[in-house]
PDB file of N, CA and C in Angstrom:
ATOM      1  N   MET A   1     -26.195 -25.628  32.815  1.00  0.00           N
ATOM      2  CA  MET A   1     -25.100 -25.479  33.812  1.00  0.00           C
ATOM      3  C   MET A   1     -24.812 -23.961  33.883  1.00  0.00           C
ATOM      4  N   ALA A   2     -24.416 -23.397  32.791  1.00  0.00           N
ATOM      5  CA  ALA A   2     -24.037 -22.078  32.675  1.00  0.00           C
ATOM      6  C   ALA A   2     -24.939 -21.109  33.405  1.00  0.00           C
ATOM      7  N   GLU A   3     -26.243 -21.379  33.095  1.00  0.00           N
ATOM      8  CA  GLU A   3     -27.246 -20.550  33.794  1.00  0.00           C
ATOM      9  C   GLU A   3     -27.245 -20.684  35.323  1.00  0.00           C
ATOM     10  N   GLN A   4     -27.116 -21.790  35.898  1.00  0.00           N
ATOM     11  CA  GLN A   4     -27.042 -22.104  37.216  1.00  0.00           C
ATOM     12  C   GLN A   4     -25.840 -21.494  37.900  1.00  0.00           C
ATOM     13  N   LEU A   5     -24.792 -21.329  37.075  1.00  0.00           N
ATOM     14  CA  LEU A   5     -23.462 -20.779  37.559  1.00  0.00           C
ATOM     15  C   LEU A   5     -23.393 -19.234  37.295  1.00  0.00           C
ATOM     16  N   SER A   6     -24.348 -18.732  36.689  1.00  0.00           N
ATOM     17  CA  SER A   6     -24.363 -17.307  36.237  1.00  0.00           C
ATOM     18  C   SER A   6     -23.235 -16.998  35.375  1.00  0.00           C
ATOM     19  N   LYS A   7     -22.910 -17.966  34.535  1.00  0.00           N
ATOM     20  CA  LYS A   7     -21.635 -17.720  33.646  1.00  0.00           C
ATOM     21  C   LYS A   7     -22.128 -17.902  32.232  1.00  0.00           C
ATOM     22  N   SER A   8     -21.383 -17.404  31.286  1.00  0.00           N
ATOM     23  CA  SER A   8     -21.685 -17.665  29.838  1.00  0.00           C
ATOM     24  C   SER A   8     -21.497 -18.980  29.441  1.00  0.00           C
ATOM     25  N   ILE A   9     -22.164 -19.436  28.384  1.00  0.00           N
ATOM     26  CA  ILE A   9     -21.974 -20.862  27.857  1.00  0.00           C
ATOM     27  C   ILE A   9     -20.525 -20.894  27.218  1.00  0.00           C
ATOM     28  N   ASN A  10     -20.048 -19.791  26.740  1.00  0.00           N
ATOM     29  CA  ASN A  10     -18.691 -19.794  26.200  1.00  0.00           C
ATOM     30  C   ASN A  10     -17.586 -19.950  27.170  1.00  0.00           C
ATOM     31  N   PHE A  11     -17.884 -19.302  28.458  1.00  0.00           N
ATOM     32  CA  PHE A  11     -16.985 -19.506  29.566  1.00  0.00           C
ATOM     33  C   PHE A  11     -16.869 -20.938  29.982  1.00  0.00           C
ATOM     34  N   CYS A  12     -18.065 -21.609  30.174  1.00  0.00           N
ATOM     35  CA  CYS A  12     -18.149 -22.841  30.508  1.00  0.00           C
ATOM     36  C   CYS A  12     -17.521 -23.997  29.528  1.00  0.00           C
ATOM     37  N   ARG A  13     -17.665 -23.622  28.286  1.00  0.00           N
ATOM     38  CA  ARG A  13     -17.028 -24.450  27.213  1.00  0.00           C
ATOM     39  C   ARG A  13     -15.502 -24.239  27.357  1.00  0.00           C
ATOM     40  N   ASP A  14     -15.032 -23.045  27.563  1.00  0.00           N
ATOM     41  CA  ASP A  14     -13.602 -22.698  27.713  1.00  0.00           C
ATOM     42  C   ASP A  14     -13.011 -23.505  28.829  1.00  0.00           C
ATOM     43  N   ILE A  15     -13.632 -23.618  29.946  1.00  0.00           N
ATOM     44  CA  ILE A  15     -13.218 -24.285  31.004  1.00  0.00           C
ATOM     45  C   ILE A  15     -13.176 -25.757  30.677  1.00  0.00           C
ATOM     46  N   GLU A  16     -14.154 -26.317  30.044  1.00  0.00           N
ATOM     47  CA  GLU A  16     -14.248 -27.710  29.762  1.00  0.00           C
ATOM     48  C   GLU A  16     -13.194 -28.032  28.809  1.00  0.00           C
ATOM     49  N   ILE A  17     -12.820 -27.319  27.831  1.00  0.00           N
ATOM     50  CA  ILE A  17     -11.818 -27.646  26.883  1.00  0.00           C
ATOM     51  C   ILE A  17     -10.415 -27.227  27.430  1.00  0.00           C
ATOM     52  N   GLY A  18     -10.273 -26.661  28.548  1.00  0.00           N
ATOM     53  CA  GLY A  18      -8.949 -26.265  29.155  1.00  0.00           C
ATOM     54  C   GLY A  18      -8.479 -25.003  28.606  1.00  0.00           C
ATOM     55  N   ALA A  19      -9.327 -24.206  27.953  1.00  0.00           N
ATOM     56  CA  ALA A  19      -8.685 -22.784  27.362  1.00  0.00           C
ATOM     57  C   ALA A  19      -8.708 -21.840  28.549  1.00  0.00           C
ATOM     58  N   LYS A  20      -9.478 -21.970  29.554  1.00  0.00           N
ATOM     59  CA  LYS A  20      -9.496 -20.987  30.607  1.00  0.00           C
ATOM     60  C   LYS A  20      -9.486 -21.725  31.991  1.00  0.00           C
ATOM     61  N   GLY A  21      -8.969 -20.994  32.968  1.00  0.00           N
ATOM     62  CA  GLY A  21      -9.045 -21.477  34.314  1.00  0.00           C
ATOM     63  C   GLY A  21     -10.247 -21.012  35.030  1.00  0.00           C
ATOM     64  N   MET A  22     -10.414 -21.152  36.311  1.00  0.00           N
ATOM     65  CA  MET A  22     -11.596 -20.619  37.149  1.00  0.00           C
ATOM     66  C   MET A  22     -11.004 -20.409  38.408  1.00  0.00           C
ATOM     67  N   SER A  23     -11.997 -19.621  39.095  1.00  0.00           N
ATOM     68  CA  SER A  23     -11.696 -19.258  40.553  1.00  0.00           C
ATOM     69  C   SER A  23     -12.033 -20.414  41.395  1.00  0.00           C
ATOM     70  N   LEU A  24     -11.570 -20.399  42.659  1.00  0.00           N
ATOM     71  CA  LEU A  24     -12.072 -21.355  43.559  1.00  0.00           C
ATOM     72  C   LEU A  24     -13.563 -21.214  43.823  1.00  0.00           C
ATOM     73  N   GLN A  25     -14.183 -20.022  43.797  1.00  0.00           N
ATOM     74  CA  GLN A  25     -15.441 -19.937  44.007  1.00  0.00           C
ATOM     75  C   GLN A  25     -16.368 -20.559  42.944  1.00  0.00           C
ATOM     76  N   THR A  26     -15.853 -20.407  41.577  1.00  0.00           N
ATOM     77  CA  THR A  26     -16.433 -21.065  40.470  1.00  0.00           C
ATOM     78  C   THR A  26     -16.416 -22.564  40.587  1.00  0.00           C
ATOM     79  N   LEU A  27     -15.190 -23.081  41.038  1.00  0.00           N
ATOM     80  CA  LEU A  27     -15.124 -24.514  41.276  1.00  0.00           C
ATOM     81  C   LEU A  27     -15.999 -25.021  42.319  1.00  0.00           C
ATOM     82  N   ALA A  28     -16.146 -24.241  43.341  1.00  0.00           N
ATOM     83  CA  ALA A  28     -17.166 -24.614  44.462  1.00  0.00           C
ATOM     84  C   ALA A  28     -18.598 -24.600  43.991  1.00  0.00           C
ATOM     85  N   SER A  29     -18.894 -23.646  43.115  1.00  0.00           N
ATOM     86  CA  SER A  29     -20.270 -23.525  42.544  1.00  0.00           C
ATOM     87  C   SER A  29     -20.528 -24.769  41.715  1.00  0.00           C
ATOM     88  N   ILE A  30     -19.603 -25.044  40.828  1.00  0.00           N
ATOM     89  CA  ILE A  30     -19.671 -26.246  39.980  1.00  0.00           C
ATOM     90  C   ILE A  30     -19.980 -27.568  40.848  1.00  0.00           C
ATOM     91  N   SER A  31     -19.271 -27.665  41.917  1.00  0.00           N
ATOM     92  CA  SER A  31     -19.466 -28.833  42.851  1.00  0.00           C
ATOM     93  C   SER A  31     -20.832 -28.803  43.226  1.00  0.00           C
ATOM     94  N   LYS A  32     -21.489 -27.806  43.732  1.00  0.00           N
ATOM     95  CA  LYS A  32     -22.804 -27.694  44.068  1.00  0.00           C
ATOM     96  C   LYS A  32     -23.728 -27.978  43.044  1.00  0.00           C
ATOM     97  N   VAL A  33     -23.611 -27.435  41.878  1.00  0.00           N
ATOM     98  CA  VAL A  33     -24.494 -27.671  40.684  1.00  0.00           C
ATOM     99  C   VAL A  33     -24.461 -29.114  40.296  1.00  0.00           C
ATOM    100  N   LEU A  34     -23.340 -29.591  40.284  1.00  0.00           N
ATOM    101  CA  LEU A  34     -23.152 -31.082  39.780  1.00  0.00           C
ATOM    102  C   LEU A  34     -23.413 -32.137  41.067  1.00  0.00           C
ATOM    103  N   LYS A  35     -23.526 -31.643  42.337  1.00  0.00           N
ATOM    104  CA  LYS A  35     -23.683 -32.425  43.374  1.00  0.00           C
ATOM    105  C   LYS A  35     -22.491 -33.519  43.468  1.00  0.00           C
ATOM    106  N   LEU A  36     -21.292 -32.957  43.233  1.00  0.00           N
ATOM    107  CA  LEU A  36     -20.119 -33.719  43.310  1.00  0.00           C
ATOM    108  C   LEU A  36     -19.205 -33.226  44.291  1.00  0.00           C
ATOM    109  N   SER A  37     -18.471 -34.067  45.019  1.00  0.00           N
ATOM    110  CA  SER A  37     -17.391 -33.463  46.052  1.00  0.00           C
ATOM    111  C   SER A  37     -16.229 -32.866  45.153  1.00  0.00           C
ATOM    112  N   LEU A  38     -15.631 -31.927  45.861  1.00  0.00           N
ATOM    113  CA  LEU A  38     -14.481 -31.419  45.188  1.00  0.00           C
ATOM    114  C   LEU A  38     -13.332 -32.400  44.929  1.00  0.00           C
ATOM    115  N   ASP A  39     -13.211 -33.428  45.861  1.00  0.00           N
ATOM    116  CA  ASP A  39     -12.154 -34.440  45.621  1.00  0.00           C
ATOM    117  C   ASP A  39     -12.577 -35.223  44.346  1.00  0.00           C
ATOM    118  N   ASN A  40     -13.811 -35.476  44.024  1.00  0.00           N
ATOM    119  CA  ASN A  40     -14.272 -36.080  43.001  1.00  0.00           C
ATOM    120  C   ASN A  40     -13.969 -35.365  41.720  1.00  0.00           C
ATOM    121  N   ILE A  41     -14.273 -34.031  41.721  1.00  0.00           N
ATOM    122  CA  ILE A  41     -13.910 -33.104  40.607  1.00  0.00           C
ATOM    123  C   ILE A  41     -12.438 -33.070  40.294  1.00  0.00           C
ATOM    124  N   VAL A  42     -11.752 -32.761  41.369  1.00  0.00           N
ATOM    125  CA  VAL A  42     -10.279 -32.465  41.153  1.00  0.00           C
ATOM    126  C   VAL A  42      -9.485 -33.701  41.028  1.00  0.00           C
ATOM    127  N   PHE A  43      -9.736 -34.647  41.678  1.00  0.00           N
ATOM    128  CA  PHE A  43      -8.850 -35.851  41.710  1.00  0.00           C
ATOM    129  C   PHE A  43      -9.501 -37.112  41.104  1.00  0.00           C
ATOM    130  N   GLY A  44     -10.840 -37.062  40.772  1.00  0.00           N
ATOM    131  CA  GLY A  44     -11.541 -38.138  40.288  1.00  0.00           C
ATOM    132  C   GLY A  44     -11.854 -39.293  41.226  1.00  0.00           C
ATOM    133  N   ILE A  45     -11.926 -38.898  42.527  1.00  0.00           N
ATOM    134  CA  ILE A  45     -12.157 -40.096  43.567  1.00  0.00           C
ATOM    135  C   ILE A  45     -13.345 -39.625  44.328  1.00  0.00           C
ATOM    136  N   SER A  46     -13.943 -40.583  44.710  1.00  0.00           N
ATOM    137  CA  SER A  46     -15.165 -40.535  45.713  1.00  0.00           C
ATOM    138  C   SER A  46     -14.966 -41.538  46.792  1.00  0.00           C
ATOM    139  N   PRO A  47     -14.752 -40.972  47.937  1.00  0.00           N
ATOM    140  CA  PRO A  47     -14.582 -41.913  49.106  1.00  0.00           C
ATOM    141  C   PRO A  47     -15.694 -42.805  49.347  1.00  0.00           C
ATOM    142  N   SER A  48     -15.574 -44.003  49.737  1.00  0.00           N
ATOM    143  CA  SER A  48     -16.686 -44.921  50.075  1.00  0.00           C
ATOM    144  C   SER A  48     -17.403 -44.275  51.331  1.00  0.00           C
ATOM    145  N   GLY A  49     -18.779 -44.327  51.255  1.00  0.00           N
ATOM    146  CA  GLY A  49     -19.499 -43.766  52.353  1.00  0.00           C
ATOM    147  C   GLY A  49     -19.465 -42.209  52.345  1.00  0.00           C
ATOM    148  N   ASP A  50     -19.328 -41.659  51.158  1.00  0.00           N
ATOM    149  CA  ASP A  50     -19.205 -40.252  50.895  1.00  0.00           C
ATOM    150  C   ASP A  50     -20.609 -39.735  51.201  1.00  0.00           C
ATOM    151  N   VAL A  51     -20.804 -38.784  52.108  1.00  0.00           N
ATOM    152  CA  VAL A  51     -22.116 -38.314  52.402  1.00  0.00           C
ATOM    153  C   VAL A  51     -22.236 -36.787  51.781  1.00  0.00           C
ATOM    154  N   GLU A  52     -21.264 -36.340  51.119  1.00  0.00           N
ATOM    155  CA  GLU A  52     -21.419 -35.125  50.507  1.00  0.00           C
ATOM    156  C   GLU A  52     -22.481 -34.801  49.673  1.00  0.00           C
ATOM    157  N   PRO A  53     -22.833 -35.746  48.838  1.00  0.00           N
ATOM    158  CA  PRO A  53     -24.004 -35.616  47.963  1.00  0.00           C
ATOM    159  C   PRO A  53     -25.331 -35.323  48.823  1.00  0.00           C
ATOM    160  N   LEU A  54     -25.417 -36.031  49.938  1.00  0.00           N
ATOM    161  CA  LEU A  54     -26.524 -35.814  50.795  1.00  0.00           C
ATOM    162  C   LEU A  54     -26.502 -34.365  51.454  1.00  0.00           C
ATOM    163  N   VAL A  55     -25.290 -34.037  51.836  1.00  0.00           N
ATOM    164  CA  VAL A  55     -25.057 -32.699  52.414  1.00  0.00           C
ATOM    165  C   VAL A  55     -25.540 -31.643  51.432  1.00  0.00           C
ATOM    166  N   LEU A  56     -25.020 -31.742  50.300  1.00  0.00           N
ATOM    167  CA  LEU A  56     -25.446 -30.768  49.091  1.00  0.00           C
ATOM    168  C   LEU A  56     -26.881 -30.691  48.964  1.00  0.00           C
ATOM    169  N   MET A  57     -27.529 -31.841  48.966  1.00  0.00           N
ATOM    170  CA  MET A  57     -29.119 -31.835  48.752  1.00  0.00           C
ATOM    171  C   MET A  57     -29.694 -30.982  49.897  1.00  0.00           C
ATOM    172  N   LEU A  58     -29.193 -31.345  51.097  1.00  0.00           N
ATOM    173  CA  LEU A  58     -29.837 -30.737  52.346  1.00  0.00           C
ATOM    174  C   LEU A  58     -29.586 -29.214  52.352  1.00  0.00           C
ATOM    175  N   GLU A  59     -28.367 -28.848  51.803  1.00  0.00           N
ATOM    176  CA  GLU A  59     -27.997 -27.362  51.937  1.00  0.00           C
ATOM    177  C   GLU A  59     -28.857 -26.541  50.890  1.00  0.00           C
ATOM    178  N   SER A  60     -29.346 -27.257  49.954  1.00  0.00           N
ATOM    179  CA  SER A  60     -30.340 -26.581  48.818  1.00  0.00           C
ATOM    180  C   SER A  60     -31.738 -26.544  49.396  1.00  0.00           C
ATOM    181  N   CYS A  61     -32.094 -27.159  50.489  1.00  0.00           N
ATOM    182  CA  CYS A  61     -33.452 -27.043  51.032  1.00  0.00           C
ATOM    183  C   CYS A  61     -33.661 -25.857  51.853  1.00  0.00           C
ATOM    184  N   ASN A  62     -34.841 -25.328  51.706  1.00  0.00           N
ATOM    185  CA  ASN A  62     -35.213 -23.990  52.582  1.00  0.00           C
ATOM    186  C   ASN A  62     -35.514 -24.695  54.085  1.00  0.00           C
ATOM    187  N   PRO A  63     -35.502 -23.715  55.004  1.00  0.00           N
ATOM    188  CA  PRO A  63     -35.714 -24.170  56.398  1.00  0.00           C
ATOM    189  C   PRO A  63     -37.072 -25.133  56.622  1.00  0.00           C
ATOM    190  N   GLU A  64     -37.970 -24.709  55.968  1.00  0.00           N
ATOM    191  CA  GLU A  64     -39.176 -25.581  56.131  1.00  0.00           C
ATOM    192  C   GLU A  64     -39.111 -26.853  55.600  1.00  0.00           C
ATOM    193  N   LYS A  65     -38.470 -27.127  54.361  1.00  0.00           N
ATOM    194  CA  LYS A  65     -38.317 -28.484  53.773  1.00  0.00           C
ATOM    195  C   LYS A  65     -37.272 -29.210  54.666  1.00  0.00           C
ATOM    196  N   SER A  66     -36.242 -28.378  55.257  1.00  0.00           N
ATOM    197  CA  SER A  66     -35.279 -29.292  56.057  1.00  0.00           C
ATOM    198  C   SER A  66     -35.946 -29.945  57.208  1.00  0.00           C
ATOM    199  N   LYS A  67     -36.850 -29.268  57.861  1.00  0.00           N
ATOM    200  CA  LYS A  67     -37.606 -29.958  59.000  1.00  0.00           C
ATOM    201  C   LYS A  67     -38.251 -31.305  58.439  1.00  0.00           C
ATOM    202  N   TYR A  68     -39.014 -31.135  57.337  1.00  0.00           N
ATOM    203  CA  TYR A  68     -39.621 -32.380  56.825  1.00  0.00           C
ATOM    204  C   TYR A  68     -38.603 -33.443  56.524  1.00  0.00           C
ATOM    205  N   VAL A  69     -37.515 -33.121  55.946  1.00  0.00           N
ATOM    206  CA  VAL A  69     -36.426 -34.017  55.618  1.00  0.00           C
ATOM    207  C   VAL A  69     -35.898 -34.704  56.758  1.00  0.00           C
ATOM    208  N   GLU A  70     -35.696 -33.917  57.791  1.00  0.00           N
ATOM    209  CA  GLU A  70     -35.081 -34.387  59.033  1.00  0.00           C
ATOM    210  C   GLU A  70     -36.059 -35.298  59.688  1.00  0.00           C
ATOM    211  N   GLU A  71     -37.487 -35.128  59.702  1.00  0.00           N
ATOM    212  CA  GLU A  71     -38.289 -36.134  60.184  1.00  0.00           C
ATOM    213  C   GLU A  71     -38.351 -37.406  59.451  1.00  0.00           C
ATOM    214  N   ILE A  72     -38.298 -37.294  58.055  1.00  0.00           N
ATOM    215  CA  ILE A  72     -38.344 -38.536  57.241  1.00  0.00           C
ATOM    216  C   ILE A  72     -37.160 -39.348  57.503  1.00  0.00           C
ATOM    217  N   VAL A  73     -35.883 -38.672  57.520  1.00  0.00           N
ATOM    218  CA  VAL A  73     -34.674 -39.429  57.858  1.00  0.00           C
ATOM    219  C   VAL A  73     -34.837 -40.169  59.197  1.00  0.00           C
ATOM    220  N   LYS A  74     -35.268 -39.569  60.191  1.00  0.00           N
ATOM    221  CA  LYS A  74     -35.290 -40.133  61.481  1.00  0.00           C
ATOM    222  C   LYS A  74     -36.273 -41.320  61.480  1.00  0.00           C
ATOM    223  N   THR A  75     -37.445 -41.159  60.865  1.00  0.00           N
ATOM    224  CA  THR A  75     -38.404 -42.198  60.736  1.00  0.00           C
ATOM    225  C   THR A  75     -37.680 -43.427  59.841  1.00  0.00           C
ATOM    226  N   LEU A  76     -37.013 -43.089  58.730  1.00  0.00           N
ATOM    227  CA  LEU A  76     -36.362 -44.183  57.911  1.00  0.00           C
ATOM    228  C   LEU A  76     -35.328 -44.965  58.842  1.00  0.00           C
ATOM    229  N   LEU A  77     -34.576 -44.209  59.361  1.00  0.00           N
ATOM    230  CA  LEU A  77     -33.456 -44.783  60.260  1.00  0.00           C
ATOM    231  C   LEU A  77     -34.066 -45.730  61.390  1.00  0.00           C
ATOM    232  N   LEU A  78     -35.075 -45.215  62.082  1.00  0.00           N
ATOM    233  CA  LEU A  78     -35.750 -46.028  63.010  1.00  0.00           C
ATOM    234  C   LEU A  78     -36.279 -47.341  62.429  1.00  0.00           C
ATOM    235  N   ALA A  79     -36.935 -47.257  61.255  1.00  0.00           N
ATOM    236  CA  ALA A  79     -37.475 -48.334  60.622  1.00  0.00           C
ATOM    237  C   ALA A  79     -36.487 -49.456  60.142  1.00  0.00           C
ATOM    238  N   LEU A  80     -35.251 -48.856  59.918  1.00  0.00           N
ATOM    239  CA  LEU A  80     -34.168 -49.837  59.513  1.00  0.00           C
ATOM    240  C   LEU A  80     -33.432 -50.465  60.532  1.00  0.00           C
ATOM    241  N   GLU A  81     -33.596 -50.030  61.809  1.00  0.00           N
ATOM    242  CA  GLU A  81     -33.053 -50.657  62.963  1.00  0.00           C
ATOM    243  C   GLU A  81     -33.605 -52.083  63.268  1.00  0.00           C
TER     244      GLU A  81
END
């Protein structure tokens, strides 16, 4: 995780044990790396029907992959009707 955040292992450990705080930017980066909503990280709650994990996955796709994902989702939704 430290590598994905471009932070040191010691910094991540210090955050985890509460020895250091972090910026909002770092918190947002952790949210993306862990594919968790900020509500889940900060408050420990995940609303039912939470689509944020899907949104985070889609944001990580390049434009070419996004087109394929969109077509797959459309096909899946039509099949489920």
